[in-house]
Protein backbone atom coordinates (compact mmCIF):
# COMPACT_ATOMS: atom_id res chain seq x y z
CA MET A 1 133.79 151.90 193.58
CA ILE A 2 131.25 149.74 195.69
CA LYS A 3 129.30 151.56 196.97
CA ARG A 4 128.48 153.24 192.71
CA ALA A 5 127.42 149.77 191.61
CA ARG A 6 125.21 149.37 194.78
CA LEU A 7 123.45 152.84 194.45
CA TRP A 8 123.49 152.42 190.12
CA ALA A 9 122.28 148.94 191.34
CA ARG A 10 118.80 150.36 193.36
CA ILE A 11 117.78 152.64 190.87
CA VAL A 12 117.72 150.06 187.80
CA ARG A 13 115.89 148.63 190.61
CA ARG A 14 113.14 151.06 191.42
CA ASP A 15 112.90 152.85 187.39
CA VAL A 16 112.00 148.50 186.25
CA HIS A 17 109.20 148.92 188.84
CA ALA A 18 108.83 152.35 187.74
CA VAL A 19 108.69 151.47 183.88
CA TYR A 20 106.33 148.72 185.01
CA LEU A 21 104.24 150.53 186.65
CA ALA A 22 104.56 153.55 184.04
CA SER A 23 103.80 150.47 181.87
CA ARG A 24 100.06 150.40 183.47
CA ASP A 25 99.22 154.80 183.10
CA PRO A 26 96.07 154.73 180.75
CA ARG A 27 98.92 158.29 180.14
CA VAL A 28 101.58 156.95 178.48
CA PRO A 29 101.64 155.59 174.83
CA TRP A 30 100.99 152.35 173.17
CA TYR A 31 103.98 152.29 172.11
CA THR A 32 105.74 152.99 175.12
CA LYS A 33 103.56 150.28 176.89
CA ALA A 34 104.64 147.43 175.02
CA LEU A 35 108.18 148.67 175.36
CA ALA A 36 107.77 148.88 179.40
CA ILE A 37 106.65 146.09 178.94
CA SER A 38 108.97 143.63 177.39
CA VAL A 39 112.03 145.70 178.83
CA THR A 40 110.28 144.63 182.46
CA GLY A 41 109.42 140.97 181.26
CA TYR A 42 112.64 140.69 180.07
CA ALA A 43 114.72 142.40 183.63
CA LEU A 44 112.56 140.23 185.33
CA SER A 45 112.86 136.64 183.35
CA PRO A 46 114.60 134.19 184.88
CA ILE A 47 115.43 133.46 181.14
CA ASP A 48 117.82 135.42 179.52
CA LEU A 49 119.36 136.45 175.25
CA ILE A 50 122.44 134.93 176.12
CA PRO A 51 122.69 132.04 179.08
CA ASP A 52 123.98 133.54 182.79
CA PHE A 53 126.58 129.99 182.41
CA ILE A 54 128.53 131.87 180.27
CA PRO A 55 131.71 133.61 181.04
CA ILE A 56 131.32 137.08 180.79
CA LEU A 57 129.27 137.72 178.00
CA GLY A 58 125.87 136.11 180.51
CA LEU A 59 126.60 138.34 182.35
CA LEU A 60 126.92 140.79 179.79
CA ASP A 61 123.19 141.05 178.76
CA ASP A 62 122.37 142.10 182.36
CA LEU A 63 124.60 145.10 182.47
CA ILE A 64 123.62 146.00 178.65
CA ILE A 65 120.65 145.24 177.37
CA VAL A 66 118.58 146.20 180.50
CA PRO A 67 120.10 149.27 181.86
CA LEU A 68 119.38 150.26 177.82
CA GLY A 69 115.84 148.76 177.33
CA ILE A 70 114.76 150.97 180.65
CA LEU A 71 117.22 153.41 179.69
CA LEU A 72 115.05 154.08 176.24
CA THR A 73 111.78 153.37 177.89
CA VAL A 74 112.07 156.29 180.66
CA ARG A 75 113.16 158.92 177.44
CA LEU A 76 110.02 158.40 175.94
CA ILE A 77 107.84 158.40 179.29
CA PRO A 78 106.82 162.03 179.90
CA PRO A 79 108.59 163.31 182.25
CA ASP A 80 105.31 163.95 185.68
CA ILE A 81 104.33 161.46 184.84
CA MET A 82 107.48 158.92 184.96
CA ALA A 83 108.78 161.58 188.27
CA GLU A 84 105.12 160.22 189.92
CA HIS A 85 105.83 156.76 189.34
CA ARG A 86 109.43 156.69 189.93
CA ALA A 87 108.04 158.16 193.28
CA ALA A 88 105.71 155.45 194.62
CA ALA A 89 108.14 152.90 193.57
CA LEU A 90 110.05 154.10 196.39
CA ALA A 91 107.84 154.67 199.02
CA THR A 92 106.03 150.31 197.62
CA HIS A 93 110.05 149.66 197.66
CA ALA A 94 110.52 151.90 201.50
CA ARG A 95 107.57 149.08 203.34
CA PRO A 96 108.86 147.27 206.01
CA VAL A 97 109.91 143.39 205.01
CA SER A 98 108.03 140.55 207.00
CA ARG A 99 109.98 137.90 208.08
CA ILE A 100 107.19 136.01 209.29
CA GLY A 101 105.72 135.39 206.42
CA ALA A 102 108.90 134.64 204.95
CA GLY A 103 109.95 132.66 207.32
CA ALA A 104 105.60 130.56 206.63
CA ILE A 105 106.90 130.30 202.65
CA ILE A 106 110.47 128.92 203.87
CA ALA A 107 108.77 126.38 206.52
CA ILE A 108 106.12 125.55 203.51
CA TRP A 109 109.03 125.06 201.11
CA VAL A 110 110.58 123.05 203.77
CA MET A 111 107.96 120.78 204.19
CA MET A 112 106.85 120.44 200.17
CA LEU A 113 110.63 119.31 200.51
CA GLY A 114 109.36 116.76 203.30
CA LEU A 115 106.80 115.58 201.51
CA SER A 116 109.38 115.02 198.23
CA VAL A 117 110.92 113.05 199.80
CA TRP A 118 108.61 110.48 201.92
CA LEU A 119 107.14 109.91 198.60
CA ALA A 120 109.43 109.65 196.64
CA TYR A 121 111.53 106.99 198.98
CA LYS A 122 108.31 105.50 199.47
CA TYR A 123 107.88 104.67 195.65
CA ILE A 124 111.25 103.82 194.69
CA VAL A 125 111.58 101.03 198.43
CA ALA A 126 107.66 99.90 197.24
């Protein structure tokens, strides 16, 4: 069951990216583009209709609204265009991840945190 959930999550992730790519394609009708932008915006946004801290209901919107929106958008996009964008999304996710880049970002965040603590200490003590 866990393997099926992981596979389903990968498919949803791929389709969110493919729908985003399709929203920028001139061959897709304008109303489908509007829906695609709305669905990908909601899927990638940290703001939900129902906050995640509300037990059960907070997670249900992510498990129901996002997949249904993606499903509807995928059905409105012509199949050949969707297949093209799914392949592009898979190719993007297959790229290697830069651990050096991730380390650089983490180092910048740590330095910013240290600077913030130092400035806060200096402001409070002074």
